[in-house]
Amino acid sequence: MGRLGLGCRRGDRARRGCGHEARRLRGRRPEVRRQAPRGVVVPNVLETLVAGALEDAATRRLDRPVSDVERDLDRVASPLDALEFLAPGDRVKVLAEVKRASPSRGSMAAIEDPASLAADYERGGASTISVLTEGRKFLGSLADLEAVKARVALPVLRKDFIADPYQVLEARAAGADLVLLIVAALEQRQLVELHELAEQLGMRVLVEAHSGDEVARGLDAGARILGVNARDLTDFSLDRDLFGSLADRIPDAVVRVAESAVAGPADVAHYRAAGADVVLVGEALVTGADPAATLASFIAAADGLGRPRA
């Protein structure tokens, strides 16, 4: 099934029949890219983040080889279908993020108990929880994701700089229901194969684009949840209107996610009016005094807005 040949249907747990790709990975260390993939222009900042994430994955793999991850795949509960939770509806959906820091803002919040924060998000009306697991610049970890998953009844996204199958496998073993794939960081072959692997393990994929060409590449890879990030990773500038300029390129059958540049309720309303089904919010929630109330106000601000969907 597909070019990875895992022979799994979406929703199957990764038992013996789903482990062919994982077994192929044994004995091969993840490639750490220090140059942009051939034919793909990767901004320097993004390239550095991806290289660091792959180096860290290689280190984890020394202590936890693929065979160990495979065994854990058999123990983890089947994933929730994030597509059902994020599907277009009468109200905007919020993908609420657990994020301690970022390269552009530095430290934002200590978040000693990510599970409690995620529970606040759930109480405030979040549809899915995003957990930053990158440790160098975002100060996150897979342990954060595991703690969140054990606490909430919502799908959980592993948000990281994923460019190797091992990272997808460990995401599922940690309980992730969906993973982030950034188009700009991957060759098309990588994007397709990682997307297929995630779905064969039962997860969904948030495919992130920053341009019209990247939207097209994401759709060609099979994206059913496609995000447009307003943040330019070359200089960290924000373009809140980028989503609106690209929304019409995303078919109605695909969930449209607006990412970044959300400081208050008006920004959520802006994105909803431009056609967003889902808005990803992080900083405005982790820095607020009452995340649940803040999130609820964001959702309410977009009531009555949005475009009809087929």
Protein backbone atom coordinates (compact mmCIF):
# COMPACT_ATOMS: atom_id res chain seq x y z
CA MET A 1 0.00 0.00 0.00
CA GLY A 2 1.67 3.21 -1.13
CA ARG A 3 5.37 3.51 -1.75
CA LEU A 4 6.28 2.68 1.85
CA GLY A 5 4.69 -0.73 1.60
CA LEU A 6 3.52 -0.92 5.20
CA GLY A 7 0.38 -2.77 4.25
CA CYS A 8 -1.73 -0.95 6.85
CA ARG A 9 -5.14 0.63 6.69
CA ARG A 10 -5.67 4.01 8.34
CA GLY A 11 -6.71 3.41 11.91
CA ASP A 12 -4.78 0.14 12.29
CA ARG A 13 -2.43 0.08 15.23
CA ALA A 14 1.18 -0.43 14.24
CA ARG A 15 1.52 -4.12 15.01
CA ARG A 16 3.64 -6.60 13.09
CA GLY A 17 1.94 -5.97 9.75
CA CYS A 18 2.51 -2.23 10.04
CA GLY A 19 6.17 -2.40 11.02
CA HIS A 20 7.90 -3.02 7.70
CA GLU A 21 9.04 0.57 7.35
CA ALA A 22 10.16 0.67 10.95
CA ARG A 23 12.22 -2.48 10.49
CA ARG A 24 13.79 -1.01 7.39
CA LEU A 25 15.00 1.88 9.54
CA ARG A 26 17.01 -0.36 11.85
CA GLY A 27 20.71 0.17 11.35
CA ARG A 28 20.23 3.43 9.43
CA ARG A 29 20.73 6.64 11.36
CA PRO A 30 18.52 9.59 10.41
CA GLU A 31 20.19 11.85 7.87
CA VAL A 32 21.02 15.27 9.29
CA ARG A 33 20.69 17.81 6.52
CA ARG A 34 23.05 20.76 6.72
CA GLN A 35 22.21 21.97 3.25
CA ALA A 36 18.84 22.59 1.69
CA PRO A 37 17.35 19.55 -0.11
CA ARG A 38 18.10 19.61 -3.82
CA GLY A 39 15.50 21.67 -5.63
CA VAL A 40 13.99 23.04 -2.42
CA VAL A 41 14.84 26.44 -0.99
CA VAL A 42 14.85 26.18 2.80
CA PRO A 43 15.26 29.39 4.82
CA ASN A 44 18.38 29.37 7.00
CA VAL A 45 16.42 29.52 10.24
CA LEU A 46 14.21 26.61 9.24
CA GLU A 47 17.20 24.64 8.01
CA THR A 48 18.90 25.10 11.37
CA LEU A 49 15.79 24.02 13.27
CA VAL A 50 15.36 20.91 11.13
CA ALA A 51 19.04 19.96 11.44
CA GLY A 52 18.86 20.34 15.22
CA ALA A 53 15.69 18.28 15.44
CA LEU A 54 17.28 15.49 13.41
CA GLU A 55 20.42 15.53 15.52
CA ASP A 56 18.30 15.21 18.65
CA ALA A 57 16.28 12.39 17.07
CA ALA A 58 19.51 10.56 16.24
CA THR A 59 20.61 10.87 19.86
CA ARG A 60 17.27 9.54 21.13
CA ARG A 61 17.51 6.68 18.70
CA LEU A 62 20.79 5.53 20.24
CA ASP A 63 18.96 5.00 23.54
CA ARG A 64 15.68 3.88 22.00
CA PRO A 65 16.11 1.99 18.73
CA VAL A 66 13.31 1.44 16.26
CA SER A 67 12.63 -2.04 17.66
CA ASP A 68 11.79 -0.49 21.04
CA VAL A 69 9.53 2.10 19.44
CA GLU A 70 7.73 -0.67 17.56
CA ARG A 71 6.97 -2.47 20.80
CA ASP A 72 5.56 0.75 22.24
CA LEU A 73 3.33 1.17 19.20
CA ASP A 74 1.52 -2.01 20.23
CA ARG A 75 0.83 -0.59 23.69
CA VAL A 76 -0.48 2.86 22.82
CA ALA A 77 -4.21 3.47 22.39
CA SER A 78 -5.57 3.87 18.88
CA PRO A 79 -5.46 7.49 17.67
CA LEU A 80 -8.42 9.82 17.60
CA ASP A 81 -9.40 11.04 14.15
CA ALA A 82 -8.42 14.71 14.25
CA LEU A 83 -10.16 15.27 10.93
CA GLU A 84 -13.50 14.71 12.64
CA PHE A 85 -12.65 17.18 15.42
CA LEU A 86 -11.40 19.86 13.01
CA ALA A 87 -13.97 19.46 10.23
CA PRO A 88 -15.69 22.67 9.04
CA GLY A 89 -18.69 23.65 11.12
CA ASP A 90 -20.86 26.55 12.18
CA ARG A 91 -18.20 27.82 14.60
CA VAL A 92 -14.49 28.31 14.17
CA LYS A 93 -12.32 25.57 15.67
CA VAL A 94 -9.24 26.38 17.75
CA LEU A 95 -6.04 24.36 17.72
CA ALA A 96 -4.69 25.45 21.10
CA GLU A 97 -0.95 25.26 21.62
CA VAL A 98 1.27 24.34 24.56
CA LYS A 99 4.39 26.41 23.90
CA ARG A 100 7.00 27.64 26.36
CA ALA A 101 9.24 29.59 24.00
CA SER A 102 10.04 30.33 20.37
CA PRO A 103 13.05 31.58 18.39
CA SER A 104 11.26 34.85 17.64
CA ARG A 105 10.03 35.65 21.16
CA GLY A 106 12.33 33.71 23.47
CA SER A 107 10.81 32.45 26.71
CA MET A 108 7.06 33.08 27.00
CA ALA A 109 5.78 30.89 29.83
CA ALA A 110 7.26 28.35 32.23
CA ILE A 111 4.35 25.86 31.87
CA GLU A 112 5.40 23.51 34.65
CA ASP A 113 2.25 21.43 34.15
CA PRO A 114 1.42 21.16 30.42
CA ALA A 115 -1.38 18.69 31.12
CA SER A 116 -3.22 21.19 33.32
CA LEU A 117 -2.86 23.87 30.67
CA ALA A 118 -4.25 21.50 28.06
CA ALA A 119 -7.18 20.73 30.36
CA ASP A 120 -7.86 24.48 30.56
CA TYR A 121 -7.85 24.60 26.77
CA GLU A 122 -10.30 21.73 26.61
CA ARG A 123 -12.57 23.48 29.10
CA GLY A 124 -12.40 26.67 27.02
CA GLY A 125 -13.60 24.90 23.88
CA ALA A 126 -10.45 23.82 22.03
CA SER A 127 -10.98 21.21 19.32
CA THR A 128 -7.42 19.87 19.29
CA ILE A 129 -4.27 20.44 21.36
CA SER A 130 -0.90 21.24 19.77
CA VAL A 131 2.23 20.40 21.79
CA LEU A 132 5.65 21.75 20.83
CA THR A 133 8.11 18.89 21.34
CA GLU A 134 11.25 20.60 19.98
CA GLY A 135 13.66 21.11 22.85
CA ARG A 136 16.36 23.53 21.68
CA LYS A 137 14.37 26.66 20.90
CA PHE A 138 10.83 25.80 22.01
CA LEU A 139 11.78 24.00 25.25
CA GLY A 140 9.33 21.18 24.63
CA SER A 141 9.55 17.40 24.76
CA LEU A 142 7.72 14.19 23.94
CA ALA A 143 7.13 13.86 27.69
CA ASP A 144 4.97 17.00 27.45
CA LEU A 145 2.92 15.36 24.71
CA GLU A 146 2.50 12.15 26.70
CA ALA A 147 1.33 14.10 29.75
CA VAL A 148 -1.18 16.09 27.70
CA LYS A 149 -2.51 13.02 25.93
CA ALA A 150 -3.10 11.28 29.26
CA ARG A 151 -5.16 14.25 30.51
CA VAL A 152 -7.46 15.34 27.67
CA ALA A 153 -10.05 13.65 25.48
CA LEU A 154 -9.04 15.65 22.39
CA PRO A 155 -6.64 14.84 19.55
CA VAL A 156 -3.06 15.92 20.21
CA LEU A 157 -0.70 17.26 17.55
CA ARG A 158 3.04 16.71 17.72
CA LYS A 159 4.41 20.03 16.51
CA ASP A 160 8.07 19.67 15.65
CA PHE A 161 10.48 19.82 12.73
CA ILE A 162 9.87 16.37 11.31
CA ALA A 163 12.00 15.15 8.43
CA ASP A 164 12.69 11.49 9.23
CA PRO A 165 10.39 8.46 9.62
CA TYR A 166 11.75 7.79 13.11
CA GLN A 167 10.19 11.04 14.32
CA VAL A 168 6.81 9.95 12.97
CA LEU A 169 7.08 6.56 14.67
CA GLU A 170 8.03 8.04 18.04
CA ALA A 171 5.20 10.57 17.75
CA ARG A 172 2.64 7.76 17.46
CA ALA A 173 4.32 5.80 20.24
CA ALA A 174 3.97 8.87 22.48
CA GLY A 175 0.25 9.02 21.74
CA ALA A 176 0.11 11.69 19.04
CA ASP A 177 -3.02 11.72 16.91
CA LEU A 178 -1.54 13.94 14.22
CA VAL A 179 1.83 15.37 13.24
CA LEU A 180 3.07 18.54 11.57
CA LEU A 181 4.90 18.39 8.24
CA ILE A 182 6.37 21.67 6.94
CA VAL A 183 6.47 21.74 3.15
CA ALA A 184 9.46 24.11 2.98
CA ALA A 185 11.59 21.67 4.97
CA LEU A 186 11.04 18.64 2.77
CA GLU A 187 11.62 17.39 -0.74
CA GLN A 188 8.37 16.31 -2.36
CA ARG A 189 9.31 12.64 -2.08
CA GLN A 190 9.93 13.06 1.65
CA LEU A 191 6.68 14.94 2.11
CA VAL A 192 4.69 12.21 0.37
CA GLU A 193 6.39 9.35 2.20
CA LEU A 194 6.16 10.91 5.65
CA HIS A 195 2.52 11.80 5.03
CA GLU A 196 1.78 8.23 3.96
CA LEU A 197 3.61 6.78 6.96
CA ALA A 198 1.69 8.96 9.40
CA GLU A 199 -1.65 7.94 7.91
CA GLN A 200 -0.67 4.27 7.81
CA LEU A 201 0.01 4.53 11.53
CA GLY A 202 -3.50 5.92 12.00
CA MET A 203 -2.59 9.58 12.41
CA ARG A 204 -3.64 12.66 10.49
CA VAL A 205 -1.22 15.28 9.20
CA LEU A 206 -1.24 19.06 9.44
CA VAL A 207 0.64 20.13 6.31
CA GLU A 208 2.05 23.65 6.69
CA ALA A 209 2.57 25.99 3.73
CA HIS A 210 3.94 29.52 3.38
CA SER A 211 3.23 30.22 -0.31
CA GLY A 212 1.00 29.28 -3.21
CA ASP A 213 3.57 26.81 -4.53
CA GLU A 214 3.76 25.14 -1.13
CA VAL A 215 -0.03 24.90 -0.94
CA ALA A 216 0.05 23.08 -4.29
CA ARG A 217 2.80 20.74 -3.10
CA GLY A 218 0.89 19.97 0.07
CA LEU A 219 -2.25 19.14 -1.87
CA ASP A 220 -0.26 16.95 -4.27
CA ALA A 221 1.05 15.05 -1.23
CA GLY A 222 -2.50 14.27 -0.16
CA ALA A 223 -3.09 16.92 2.52
CA ARG A 224 -6.54 16.88 4.06
CA ILE A 225 -5.63 19.41 6.76
CA LEU A 226 -3.62 22.31 5.36
CA GLY A 227 -2.28 25.25 7.33
CA VAL A 228 -1.00 28.60 6.13
CA ASN A 229 1.56 30.11 8.50
CA ALA A 230 1.61 33.90 8.60
CA ARG A 231 5.12 33.89 10.04
CA ASP A 232 8.01 34.24 7.57
CA LEU A 233 10.68 31.88 8.86
CA THR A 234 13.44 33.82 7.12
CA ASP A 235 13.02 36.92 9.30
CA PHE A 236 10.12 36.08 11.65
CA SER A 237 7.95 38.85 10.21
CA LEU A 238 4.19 38.35 10.18
CA ASP A 239 1.72 38.77 7.34
CA ARG A 240 -1.77 38.37 8.74
CA ASP A 241 -3.23 38.66 5.23
CA LEU A 242 -1.27 35.72 3.80
CA PHE A 243 -3.94 33.21 4.75
CA GLY A 244 -6.66 35.19 2.99
CA SER A 245 -4.57 35.47 -0.16
CA LEU A 246 -4.12 31.69 -0.32
CA ALA A 247 -7.40 30.35 1.07
CA ASP A 248 -9.09 30.07 -2.33
CA ARG A 249 -6.34 27.71 -3.47
CA ILE A 250 -7.36 25.20 -0.81
CA PRO A 251 -10.34 23.04 -1.89
CA ASP A 252 -13.47 22.97 0.24
CA ALA A 253 -12.86 19.28 1.02
CA VAL A 254 -9.62 20.22 2.82
CA VAL A 255 -9.62 21.68 6.34
CA ARG A 256 -8.14 25.20 6.23
CA VAL A 257 -5.98 26.21 9.17
CA ALA A 258 -4.73 29.75 9.82
CA GLU A 259 -1.51 29.83 11.84
CA SER A 260 0.27 32.65 13.71
CA ALA A 261 -0.47 36.38 14.16
CA VAL A 262 -3.29 35.82 16.65
CA ALA A 263 -3.06 38.34 19.48
CA GLY A 264 -6.74 38.77 20.29
CA PRO A 265 -10.34 37.96 19.35
CA ALA A 266 -10.28 40.33 16.36
CA ASP A 267 -7.53 38.27 14.74
CA VAL A 268 -9.58 35.08 15.05
CA ALA A 269 -12.56 36.88 13.53
CA HIS A 270 -10.32 38.14 10.72
CA TYR A 271 -9.16 34.64 9.86
CA ARG A 272 -12.65 33.21 10.09
CA ALA A 273 -13.99 35.84 7.71
CA ALA A 274 -11.17 34.96 5.30
CA GLY A 275 -12.27 31.33 5.22
CA ALA A 276 -10.44 29.59 8.06
CA ASP A 277 -12.05 26.48 9.53
CA VAL A 278 -9.42 26.30 12.26
CA VAL A 279 -7.18 28.89 13.90
CA LEU A 280 -3.98 27.85 15.67
CA VAL A 281 -3.36 29.93 18.79
CA GLY A 282 -0.38 29.67 21.11
CA GLU A 283 1.28 32.78 22.53
CA ALA A 284 -1.95 34.64 23.28
CA LEU A 285 -3.12 31.70 25.39
CA VAL A 286 0.07 30.80 27.27
CA THR A 287 0.71 34.41 28.26
CA GLY A 288 -2.85 35.14 29.41
CA ALA A 289 -4.12 34.98 32.98
CA ASP A 290 -7.09 32.72 32.17
CA PRO A 291 -6.45 30.50 29.12
CA ALA A 292 -9.90 28.90 29.17
CA ALA A 293 -11.74 32.22 29.23
CA THR A 294 -9.43 33.71 26.62
CA LEU A 295 -9.98 30.78 24.29
CA ALA A 296 -13.75 30.92 24.73
CA SER A 297 -13.72 34.63 23.87
CA PHE A 298 -11.72 33.94 20.72
CA ILE A 299 -14.27 31.38 19.52
CA ALA A 300 -17.20 33.66 20.33
CA ALA A 301 -15.62 36.56 18.42
CA ALA A 302 -15.92 34.62 15.16
CA ASP A 303 -19.59 33.66 15.55
CA GLY A 304 -21.59 34.45 12.44
CA LEU A 305 -18.50 34.79 10.29
CA GLY A 306 -17.03 32.49 7.70
CA ARG A 307 -17.84 31.47 4.18
CA PRO A 308 -20.34 28.79 3.11
CA ARG A 309 -18.70 25.43 2.39
CA ALA A 310 -19.82 22.90 -0.18
